[in-house]
Amino acid sequence: MPTSHVDVATEHASRYLQQLCKHWAHKFPVEFDPNHGTIDLSLGRTVLDADAAALHIAVT
């Protein structure tokens, strides 16, 4: 299955991860904590990981 990856350089990765997960939670199954999240979109699964330098996103 194809996977796309992106690393977004930011000092606010945890905050953005949580905002994205909360935004999609009304429509899709979502699980998250401050450093890791998953969103089960209809087109596939999105995995988000936050560290001090970036938000890492993978869509499968």
C-alpha atoms as a PDB file:
ATOM      1  CA  MET A   1       0.000   0.000   0.000  1.00  0.00           C
ATOM      2  CA  PRO A   2       1.439   3.426  -0.927  1.00  0.00           C
ATOM      3  CA  THR A   3       2.499   5.751   1.865  1.00  0.00           C
ATOM      4  CA  SER A   4       3.237   9.477   1.794  1.00  0.00           C
ATOM      5  CA  HIS A   5       5.445  11.118   4.428  1.00  0.00           C
ATOM      6  CA  VAL A   6       6.011  14.722   5.357  1.00  0.00           C
ATOM      7  CA  ASP A   7       8.057  16.353   8.114  1.00  0.00           C
ATOM      8  CA  VAL A   8       6.869  19.833   9.083  1.00  0.00           C
ATOM      9  CA  ALA A   9       9.545  21.773  10.944  1.00  0.00           C
ATOM     10  CA  THR A  10       7.947  23.546  13.910  1.00  0.00           C
ATOM     11  CA  GLU A  11       8.522  24.122  17.603  1.00  0.00           C
ATOM     12  CA  HIS A  12       4.758  23.591  18.167  1.00  0.00           C
ATOM     13  CA  ALA A  13       4.392  20.068  16.785  1.00  0.00           C
ATOM     14  CA  SER A  14       2.513  18.681  19.790  1.00  0.00           C
ATOM     15  CA  ARG A  15      -0.018  21.504  19.715  1.00  0.00           C
ATOM     16  CA  TYR A  16      -0.636  21.056  15.977  1.00  0.00           C
ATOM     17  CA  LEU A  17      -0.941  17.270  16.345  1.00  0.00           C
ATOM     18  CA  GLN A  18      -3.618  17.693  18.998  1.00  0.00           C
ATOM     19  CA  GLN A  19      -5.474  20.354  16.983  1.00  0.00           C
ATOM     20  CA  LEU A  20      -5.560  18.154  13.880  1.00  0.00           C
ATOM     21  CA  CYS A  21      -6.755  15.120  15.829  1.00  0.00           C
ATOM     22  CA  LYS A  22      -9.476  17.084  17.618  1.00  0.00           C
ATOM     23  CA  HIS A  23     -10.600  18.606  14.319  1.00  0.00           C
ATOM     24  CA  TRP A  24     -11.046  15.223  12.613  1.00  0.00           C
ATOM     25  CA  ALA A  25     -12.479  13.422  15.664  1.00  0.00           C
ATOM     26  CA  HIS A  26     -16.032  14.537  14.843  1.00  0.00           C
ATOM     27  CA  LYS A  27     -15.916  12.643  11.532  1.00  0.00           C
ATOM     28  CA  PHE A  28     -13.366   9.801  11.830  1.00  0.00           C
ATOM     29  CA  PRO A  29     -12.015   7.454  14.524  1.00  0.00           C
ATOM     30  CA  VAL A  30      -9.104   9.218  16.238  1.00  0.00           C
ATOM     31  CA  GLU A  31      -6.670   8.312  19.021  1.00  0.00           C
ATOM     32  CA  PHE A  32      -3.983  10.671  20.283  1.00  0.00           C
ATOM     33  CA  ASP A  33      -1.786  11.876  23.088  1.00  0.00           C
ATOM     34  CA  PRO A  34       0.580  14.880  23.030  1.00  0.00           C
ATOM     35  CA  ASN A  35       3.257  13.004  21.020  1.00  0.00           C
ATOM     36  CA  HIS A  36       1.425  10.460  18.830  1.00  0.00           C
ATOM     37  CA  GLY A  37      -1.872  10.314  17.015  1.00  0.00           C
ATOM     38  CA  THR A  38      -3.785   8.223  14.485  1.00  0.00           C
ATOM     39  CA  ILE A  39      -6.704   9.245  12.307  1.00  0.00           C
ATOM     40  CA  ASP A  40      -8.544   6.520  10.406  1.00  0.00           C
ATOM     41  CA  LEU A  41      -9.681   8.460   7.343  1.00  0.00           C
ATOM     42  CA  SER A  42     -11.895   6.844   4.726  1.00  0.00           C
ATOM     43  CA  LEU A  43      -8.929   6.839   2.291  1.00  0.00           C
ATOM     44  CA  GLY A  44      -6.473   5.300   4.785  1.00  0.00           C
ATOM     45  CA  ARG A  45      -4.728   5.803   8.083  1.00  0.00           C
ATOM     46  CA  THR A  46      -2.846   8.937   9.046  1.00  0.00           C
ATOM     47  CA  VAL A  47      -0.146   8.648  11.706  1.00  0.00           C
ATOM     48  CA  LEU A  48       1.213  11.787  13.364  1.00  0.00           C
ATOM     49  CA  ASP A  49       4.282  11.995  15.599  1.00  0.00           C
ATOM     50  CA  ALA A  50       5.522  15.131  17.343  1.00  0.00           C
ATOM     51  CA  ASP A  51       8.982  15.869  18.648  1.00  0.00           C
ATOM     52  CA  ALA A  52      10.797  19.053  19.656  1.00  0.00           C
ATOM     53  CA  ALA A  53      11.726  19.951  16.064  1.00  0.00           C
ATOM     54  CA  ALA A  54       8.909  18.728  13.783  1.00  0.00           C
ATOM     55  CA  LEU A  55       5.520  17.186  13.198  1.00  0.00           C
ATOM     56  CA  HIS A  56       5.951  13.931  11.245  1.00  0.00           C
ATOM     57  CA  ILE A  57       2.924  12.803   9.223  1.00  0.00           C
ATOM     58  CA  ALA A  58       2.440   9.572   7.281  1.00  0.00           C
ATOM     59  CA  VAL A  59      -0.669   8.727   5.259  1.00  0.00           C
ATOM     60  CA  THR A  60      -1.174   5.131   4.139  1.00  0.00           C
END
